[in-house]
Amino acid sequence: MTNPPPIDDVSIGGEVIRLGQFLKFAGLFDSGGSVKEAIIDGYVAVNGEVDRRRGRQLQVGDVVSFEGRRVRVSE
């Protein structure tokens, strides 16, 4: 049985942030173009489910996953 990867907390300084913005802010991507492609291609999951909406609003406590990394939105 494998353990899930650890979760890193990333403080956003508020309560809401869009998925595309958060992926760049958390350091998972360097460019908006890369973010857009990864989301559209279904490589990004929010709370364990693939989400293809770059503008999805994330709330504090949401966990975003990409290529084995998990990052939680924190205040």
PDB file of N, CA and C in Angstrom:
ATOM      1  N   MET A   1       0.842  -1.178   0.000  1.00  0.00           N
ATOM      2  CA  MET A   1       0.000   0.000   0.000  1.00  0.00           C
ATOM      3  C   MET A   1       0.890   1.246   0.000  1.00  0.00           C
ATOM      4  N   THR A   2       0.613   2.179  -0.903  1.00  0.00           N
ATOM      5  CA  THR A   2       1.421   3.387  -0.979  1.00  0.00           C
ATOM      6  C   THR A   2       0.725   4.530  -0.258  1.00  0.00           C
ATOM      7  N   ASN A   3       1.531   5.367   0.343  1.00  0.00           N
ATOM      8  CA  ASN A   3       0.994   6.543   1.014  1.00  0.00           C
ATOM      9  C   ASN A   3       0.827   7.664   0.004  1.00  0.00           C
ATOM     10  N   PRO A   4      -0.229   8.478   0.153  1.00  0.00           N
ATOM     11  CA  PRO A   4      -0.369   9.616  -0.752  1.00  0.00           C
ATOM     12  C   PRO A   4       0.750  10.616  -0.494  1.00  0.00           C
ATOM     13  N   PRO A   5       1.085  11.408  -1.500  1.00  0.00           N
ATOM     14  CA  PRO A   5       2.142  12.405  -1.301  1.00  0.00           C
ATOM     15  C   PRO A   5       1.731  13.407  -0.232  1.00  0.00           C
ATOM     16  N   PRO A   6       2.700  14.003   0.443  1.00  0.00           N
ATOM     17  CA  PRO A   6       2.367  15.002   1.469  1.00  0.00           C
ATOM     18  C   PRO A   6       1.684  16.216   0.850  1.00  0.00           C
ATOM     19  N   ILE A   7       0.994  16.948   1.686  1.00  0.00           N
ATOM     20  CA  ILE A   7       0.300  18.153   1.226  1.00  0.00           C
ATOM     21  C   ILE A   7       1.063  19.378   1.720  1.00  0.00           C
ATOM     22  N   ASP A   8       1.384  20.277   0.783  1.00  0.00           N
ATOM     23  CA  ASP A   8       2.017  21.546   1.127  1.00  0.00           C
ATOM     24  C   ASP A   8       0.924  22.602   1.250  1.00  0.00           C
ATOM     25  N   ASP A   9       0.981  23.406   2.303  1.00  0.00           N
ATOM     26  CA  ASP A   9       0.036  24.509   2.472  1.00  0.00           C
ATOM     27  C   ASP A   9       0.595  25.759   1.807  1.00  0.00           C
ATOM     28  N   VAL A  10      -0.255  26.447   1.032  1.00  0.00           N
ATOM     29  CA  VAL A  10       0.132  27.700   0.386  1.00  0.00           C
ATOM     30  C   VAL A  10      -0.869  28.763   0.809  1.00  0.00           C
ATOM     31  N   SER A  11      -0.370  29.771   1.507  1.00  0.00           N
ATOM     32  CA  SER A  11      -1.220  30.853   1.987  1.00  0.00           C
ATOM     33  C   SER A  11      -1.503  31.824   0.850  1.00  0.00           C
ATOM     34  N   ILE A  12      -2.793  32.141   0.665  1.00  0.00           N
ATOM     35  CA  ILE A  12      -3.184  33.037  -0.422  1.00  0.00           C
ATOM     36  C   ILE A  12      -3.506  34.440   0.074  1.00  0.00           C
ATOM     37  N   GLY A  13      -3.474  34.652   1.388  1.00  0.00           N
ATOM     38  CA  GLY A  13      -3.721  35.978   1.938  1.00  0.00           C
ATOM     39  C   GLY A  13      -5.161  36.431   1.829  1.00  0.00           C
ATOM     40  N   GLY A  14      -6.068  35.498   1.675  1.00  0.00           N
ATOM     41  CA  GLY A  14      -7.496  35.811   1.573  1.00  0.00           C
ATOM     42  C   GLY A  14      -8.291  34.532   1.643  1.00  0.00           C
ATOM     43  N   GLU A  15      -9.498  34.571   1.118  1.00  0.00           N
ATOM     44  CA  GLU A  15     -10.365  33.403   1.207  1.00  0.00           C
ATOM     45  C   GLU A  15     -10.599  32.706  -0.129  1.00  0.00           C
ATOM     46  N   VAL A  16     -10.412  33.426  -1.251  1.00  0.00           N
ATOM     47  CA  VAL A  16     -10.750  32.865  -2.561  1.00  0.00           C
ATOM     48  C   VAL A  16      -9.648  33.202  -3.561  1.00  0.00           C
ATOM     49  N   ILE A  17      -9.363  32.237  -4.457  1.00  0.00           N
ATOM     50  CA  ILE A  17      -8.420  32.455  -5.557  1.00  0.00           C
ATOM     51  C   ILE A  17      -8.843  31.546  -6.704  1.00  0.00           C
ATOM     52  N   ARG A  18      -8.596  31.949  -7.905  1.00  0.00           N
ATOM     53  CA  ARG A  18      -8.951  31.119  -9.071  1.00  0.00           C
ATOM     54  C   ARG A  18      -7.891  30.037  -9.273  1.00  0.00           C
ATOM     55  N   LEU A  19      -8.334  28.916  -9.821  1.00  0.00           N
ATOM     56  CA  LEU A  19      -7.457  27.755  -9.996  1.00  0.00           C
ATOM     57  C   LEU A  19      -6.210  28.103 -10.795  1.00  0.00           C
ATOM     58  N   GLY A  20      -6.366  28.767 -11.928  1.00  0.00           N
ATOM     59  CA  GLY A  20      -5.212  29.120 -12.757  1.00  0.00           C
ATOM     60  C   GLY A  20      -4.218  29.993 -12.019  1.00  0.00           C
ATOM     61  N   GLN A  21      -4.727  30.960 -11.280  1.00  0.00           N
ATOM     62  CA  GLN A  21      -3.858  31.850 -10.500  1.00  0.00           C
ATOM     63  C   GLN A  21      -3.132  31.067  -9.410  1.00  0.00           C
ATOM     64  N   PHE A  22      -3.860  30.177  -8.760  1.00  0.00           N
ATOM     65  CA  PHE A  22      -3.276  29.426  -7.653  1.00  0.00           C
ATOM     66  C   PHE A  22      -2.148  28.514  -8.124  1.00  0.00           C
ATOM     67  N   LEU A  23      -2.308  27.884  -9.266  1.00  0.00           N
ATOM     68  CA  LEU A  23      -1.266  26.993  -9.770  1.00  0.00           C
ATOM     69  C   LEU A  23       0.042  27.741 -10.007  1.00  0.00           C
ATOM     70  N   LYS A  24      -0.032  28.954 -10.522  1.00  0.00           N
ATOM     71  CA  LYS A  24       1.171  29.762 -10.702  1.00  0.00           C
ATOM     72  C   LYS A  24       1.694  30.258  -9.360  1.00  0.00           C
ATOM     73  N   PHE A  25       0.802  30.737  -8.510  1.00  0.00           N
ATOM     74  CA  PHE A  25       1.178  31.273  -7.205  1.00  0.00           C
ATOM     75  C   PHE A  25       1.867  30.214  -6.346  1.00  0.00           C
ATOM     76  N   ALA A  26       1.404  28.967  -6.443  1.00  0.00           N
ATOM     77  CA  ALA A  26       1.961  27.870  -5.656  1.00  0.00           C
ATOM     78  C   ALA A  26       3.283  27.353  -6.233  1.00  0.00           C
ATOM     79  N   GLY A  27       3.661  27.857  -7.416  1.00  0.00           N
ATOM     80  CA  GLY A  27       4.926  27.466  -8.021  1.00  0.00           C
ATOM     81  C   GLY A  27       4.869  26.165  -8.796  1.00  0.00           C
ATOM     82  N   LEU A  28       3.673  25.687  -9.112  1.00  0.00           N
ATOM     83  CA  LEU A  28       3.554  24.453  -9.888  1.00  0.00           C
ATOM     84  C   LEU A  28       3.799  24.699 -11.373  1.00  0.00           C
ATOM     85  N   PHE A  29       3.610  25.945 -11.820  1.00  0.00           N
ATOM     86  CA  PHE A  29       3.817  26.320 -13.213  1.00  0.00           C
ATOM     87  C   PHE A  29       4.517  27.662 -13.285  1.00  0.00           C
ATOM     88  N   ASP A  30       5.233  27.878 -14.395  1.00  0.00           N
ATOM     89  CA  ASP A  30       5.919  29.146 -14.614  1.00  0.00           C
ATOM     90  C   ASP A  30       5.119  30.109 -15.472  1.00  0.00           C
ATOM     91  N   SER A  31       4.227  29.568 -16.316  1.00  0.00           N
ATOM     92  CA  SER A  31       3.507  30.445 -17.239  1.00  0.00           C
ATOM     93  C   SER A  31       2.022  30.123 -17.267  1.00  0.00           C
ATOM     94  N   GLY A  32       1.250  31.139 -17.628  1.00  0.00           N
ATOM     95  CA  GLY A  32      -0.189  30.955 -17.751  1.00  0.00           C
ATOM     96  C   GLY A  32      -0.555  29.995 -18.872  1.00  0.00           C
ATOM     97  N   GLY A  33       0.254  29.980 -19.926  1.00  0.00           N
ATOM     98  CA  GLY A  33      -0.004  29.068 -21.040  1.00  0.00           C
ATOM     99  C   GLY A  33       0.113  27.613 -20.617  1.00  0.00           C
ATOM    100  N   SER A  34       1.110  27.321 -19.802  1.00  0.00           N
ATOM    101  CA  SER A  34       1.295  25.954 -19.298  1.00  0.00           C
ATOM    102  C   SER A  34       0.144  25.553 -18.387  1.00  0.00           C
ATOM    103  N   VAL A  35      -0.307  26.504 -17.566  1.00  0.00           N
ATOM    104  CA  VAL A  35      -1.448  26.253 -16.676  1.00  0.00           C
ATOM    105  C   VAL A  35      -2.675  25.902 -17.501  1.00  0.00           C
ATOM    106  N   LYS A  36      -2.946  26.718 -18.499  1.00  0.00           N
ATOM    107  CA  LYS A  36      -4.122  26.522 -19.347  1.00  0.00           C
ATOM    108  C   LYS A  36      -4.111  25.143 -19.999  1.00  0.00           C
ATOM    109  N   GLU A  37      -2.976  24.750 -20.571  1.00  0.00           N
ATOM    110  CA  GLU A  37      -2.871  23.444 -21.228  1.00  0.00           C
ATOM    111  C   GLU A  37      -3.100  22.297 -20.251  1.00  0.00           C
ATOM    112  N   ALA A  38      -2.459  22.358 -19.093  1.00  0.00           N
ATOM    113  CA  ALA A  38      -2.579  21.279 -18.113  1.00  0.00           C
ATOM    114  C   ALA A  38      -4.013  21.126 -17.626  1.00  0.00           C
ATOM    115  N   ILE A  39      -4.695  22.248 -17.404  1.00  0.00           N
ATOM    116  CA  ILE A  39      -6.082  22.182 -16.936  1.00  0.00           C
ATOM    117  C   ILE A  39      -6.983  21.625 -18.028  1.00  0.00           C
ATOM    118  N   ILE A  40      -6.863  22.148 -19.240  1.00  0.00           N
ATOM    119  CA  ILE A  40      -7.707  21.690 -20.351  1.00  0.00           C
ATOM    120  C   ILE A  40      -7.483  20.209 -20.636  1.00  0.00           C
ATOM    121  N   ASP A  41      -6.227  19.748 -20.532  1.00  0.00           N
ATOM    122  CA  ASP A  41      -5.904  18.341 -20.813  1.00  0.00           C
ATOM    123  C   ASP A  41      -6.276  17.401 -19.677  1.00  0.00           C
ATOM    124  N   GLY A  42      -6.764  17.938 -18.561  1.00  0.00           N
ATOM    125  CA  GLY A  42      -7.248  17.103 -17.471  1.00  0.00           C
ATOM    126  C   GLY A  42      -6.180  16.586 -16.527  1.00  0.00           C
ATOM    127  N   TYR A  43      -5.061  17.298 -16.429  1.00  0.00           N
ATOM    128  CA  TYR A  43      -3.970  16.857 -15.555  1.00  0.00           C
ATOM    129  C   TYR A  43      -4.045  17.439 -14.140  1.00  0.00           C
ATOM    130  N   VAL A  44      -5.006  18.319 -13.907  1.00  0.00           N
ATOM    131  CA  VAL A  44      -5.130  18.977 -12.611  1.00  0.00           C
ATOM    132  C   VAL A  44      -6.406  18.503 -11.923  1.00  0.00           C
ATOM    133  N   ALA A  45      -6.283  18.149 -10.640  1.00  0.00           N
ATOM    134  CA  ALA A  45      -7.446  17.725  -9.858  1.00  0.00           C
ATOM    135  C   ALA A  45      -7.632  18.652  -8.668  1.00  0.00           C
ATOM    136  N   VAL A  46      -8.886  18.887  -8.326  1.00  0.00           N
ATOM    137  CA  VAL A  46      -9.231  19.675  -7.143  1.00  0.00           C
ATOM    138  C   VAL A  46     -10.041  18.771  -6.227  1.00  0.00           C
ATOM    139  N   ASN A  47      -9.552  18.580  -5.024  1.00  0.00           N
ATOM    140  CA  ASN A  47     -10.208  17.699  -4.050  1.00  0.00           C
ATOM    141  C   ASN A  47     -10.450  16.306  -4.624  1.00  0.00           C
ATOM    142  N   GLY A  48      -9.472  15.817  -5.401  1.00  0.00           N
ATOM    143  CA  GLY A  48      -9.518  14.463  -5.928  1.00  0.00           C
ATOM    144  C   GLY A  48     -10.278  14.284  -7.229  1.00  0.00           C
ATOM    145  N   GLU A  49     -10.853  15.340  -7.775  1.00  0.00           N
ATOM    146  CA  GLU A  49     -11.605  15.245  -9.024  1.00  0.00           C
ATOM    147  C   GLU A  49     -11.009  16.179 -10.074  1.00  0.00           C
ATOM    148  N   VAL A  50     -10.848  15.670 -11.302  1.00  0.00           N
ATOM    149  CA  VAL A  50     -10.316  16.482 -12.394  1.00  0.00           C
ATOM    150  C   VAL A  50     -11.250  17.658 -12.628  1.00  0.00           C
ATOM    151  N   ASP A  51     -10.673  18.827 -12.768  1.00  0.00           N
ATOM    152  CA  ASP A  51     -11.462  20.033 -13.039  1.00  0.00           C
ATOM    153  C   ASP A  51     -10.816  20.780 -14.198  1.00  0.00           C
ATOM    154  N   ARG A  52     -11.582  21.023 -15.249  1.00  0.00           N
ATOM    155  CA  ARG A  52     -11.054  21.673 -16.446  1.00  0.00           C
ATOM    156  C   ARG A  52     -11.424  23.153 -16.526  1.00  0.00           C
ATOM    157  N   ARG A  53     -11.773  23.748 -15.395  1.00  0.00           N
ATOM    158  CA  ARG A  53     -12.155  25.168 -15.368  1.00  0.00           C
ATOM    159  C   ARG A  53     -11.032  25.995 -14.737  1.00  0.00           C
ATOM    160  N   ARG A  54     -10.310  26.712 -15.565  1.00  0.00           N
ATOM    161  CA  ARG A  54      -9.197  27.536 -15.087  1.00  0.00           C
ATOM    162  C   ARG A  54      -9.689  28.613 -14.126  1.00  0.00           C
ATOM    163  N   GLY A  55     -10.926  29.081 -14.315  1.00  0.00           N
ATOM    164  CA  GLY A  55     -11.486  30.133 -13.480  1.00  0.00           C
ATOM    165  C   GLY A  55     -12.207  29.633 -12.240  1.00  0.00           C
ATOM    166  N   ARG A  56     -12.146  28.329 -11.989  1.00  0.00           N
ATOM    167  CA  ARG A  56     -12.820  27.795 -10.805  1.00  0.00           C
ATOM    168  C   ARG A  56     -12.307  28.516  -9.559  1.00  0.00           C
ATOM    169  N   GLN A  57     -13.222  28.907  -8.693  1.00  0.00           N
ATOM    170  CA  GLN A  57     -12.823  29.580  -7.472  1.00  0.00           C
ATOM    171  C   GLN A  57     -12.511  28.550  -6.393  1.00  0.00           C
ATOM    172  N   LEU A  58     -11.289  28.618  -5.892  1.00  0.00           N
ATOM    173  CA  LEU A  58     -10.867  27.736  -4.814  1.00  0.00           C
ATOM    174  C   LEU A  58     -11.128  28.407  -3.480  1.00  0.00           C
ATOM    175  N   GLN A  59     -11.477  27.607  -2.503  1.00  0.00           N
ATOM    176  CA  GLN A  59     -11.721  28.089  -1.148  1.00  0.00           C
ATOM    177  C   GLN A  59     -10.597  27.581  -0.242  1.00  0.00           C
ATOM    178  N   VAL A  60     -10.441  28.214   0.898  1.00  0.00           N
ATOM    179  CA  VAL A  60      -9.474  27.743   1.885  1.00  0.00           C
ATOM    180  C   VAL A  60      -9.815  26.294   2.233  1.00  0.00           C
ATOM    181  N   GLY A  61      -8.807  25.425   2.201  1.00  0.00           N
ATOM    182  CA  GLY A  61      -8.989  24.007   2.499  1.00  0.00           C
ATOM    183  C   GLY A  61      -9.021  23.114   1.271  1.00  0.00           C
ATOM    184  N   ASP A  62      -9.254  23.701   0.081  1.00  0.00           N
ATOM    185  CA  ASP A  62      -9.236  22.900  -1.149  1.00  0.00           C
ATOM    186  C   ASP A  62      -7.830  22.376  -1.396  1.00  0.00           C
ATOM    187  N   VAL A  63      -7.742  21.149  -1.934  1.00  0.00           N
ATOM    188  CA  VAL A  63      -6.454  20.533  -2.243  1.00  0.00           C
ATOM    189  C   VAL A  63      -6.344  20.359  -3.761  1.00  0.00           C
ATOM    190  N   VAL A  64      -5.289  20.922  -4.332  1.00  0.00           N
ATOM    191  CA  VAL A  64      -5.044  20.857  -5.768  1.00  0.00           C
ATOM    192  C   VAL A  64      -3.902  19.876  -6.011  1.00  0.00           C
ATOM    193  N   SER A  65      -4.093  18.971  -6.979  1.00  0.00           N
ATOM    194  CA  SER A  65      -3.084  17.955  -7.289  1.00  0.00           C
ATOM    195  C   SER A  65      -2.629  18.089  -8.738  1.00  0.00           C
ATOM    196  N   PHE A  66      -1.309  17.912  -8.934  1.00  0.00           N
ATOM    197  CA  PHE A  66      -0.733  17.902 -10.270  1.00  0.00           C
ATOM    198  C   PHE A  66       0.569  17.117 -10.223  1.00  0.00           C
ATOM    199  N   GLU A  67       0.676  16.090 -11.063  1.00  0.00           N
ATOM    200  CA  GLU A  67       1.881  15.275 -11.194  1.00  0.00           C
ATOM    201  C   GLU A  67       2.462  14.840  -9.848  1.00  0.00           C
ATOM    202  N   GLY A  68       1.623  14.310  -8.991  1.00  0.00           N
ATOM    203  CA  GLY A  68       2.098  13.767  -7.724  1.00  0.00           C
ATOM    204  C   GLY A  68       2.281  14.776  -6.611  1.00  0.00           C
ATOM    205  N   ARG A  69       2.105  16.052  -6.907  1.00  0.00           N
ATOM    206  CA  ARG A  69       2.190  17.082  -5.857  1.00  0.00           C
ATOM    207  C   ARG A  69       0.794  17.471  -5.427  1.00  0.00           C
ATOM    208  N   ARG A  70       0.638  17.682  -4.131  1.00  0.00           N
ATOM    209  CA  ARG A  70      -0.651  18.136  -3.593  1.00  0.00           C
ATOM    210  C   ARG A  70      -0.415  19.406  -2.793  1.00  0.00           C
ATOM    211  N   VAL A  71      -1.235  20.409  -3.098  1.00  0.00           N
ATOM    212  CA  VAL A  71      -1.084  21.714  -2.465  1.00  0.00           C
ATOM    213  C   VAL A  71      -2.452  22.148  -1.939  1.00  0.00           C
ATOM    214  N   ARG A  72      -2.477  22.545  -0.665  1.00  0.00           N
ATOM    215  CA  ARG A  72      -3.734  22.967  -0.043  1.00  0.00           C
ATOM    216  C   ARG A  72      -3.786  24.486   0.047  1.00  0.00           C
ATOM    217  N   VAL A  73      -4.941  25.039  -0.269  1.00  0.00           N
ATOM    218  CA  VAL A  73      -5.171  26.477  -0.152  1.00  0.00           C
ATOM    219  C   VAL A  73      -5.340  26.810   1.328  1.00  0.00           C
ATOM    220  N   SER A  74      -4.530  27.738   1.815  1.00  0.00           N
ATOM    221  CA  SER A  74      -4.683  28.188   3.200  1.00  0.00           C
ATOM    222  C   SER A  74      -4.713  29.709   3.239  1.00  0.00           C
ATOM    223  N   GLU A  75      -5.233  30.251   4.336  1.00  0.00           N
ATOM    224  CA  GLU A  75      -5.370  31.710   4.463  1.00  0.00           C
ATOM    225  C   GLU A  75      -4.071  32.403   4.694  1.00  0.00           C
TER     226      GLU A  75
END
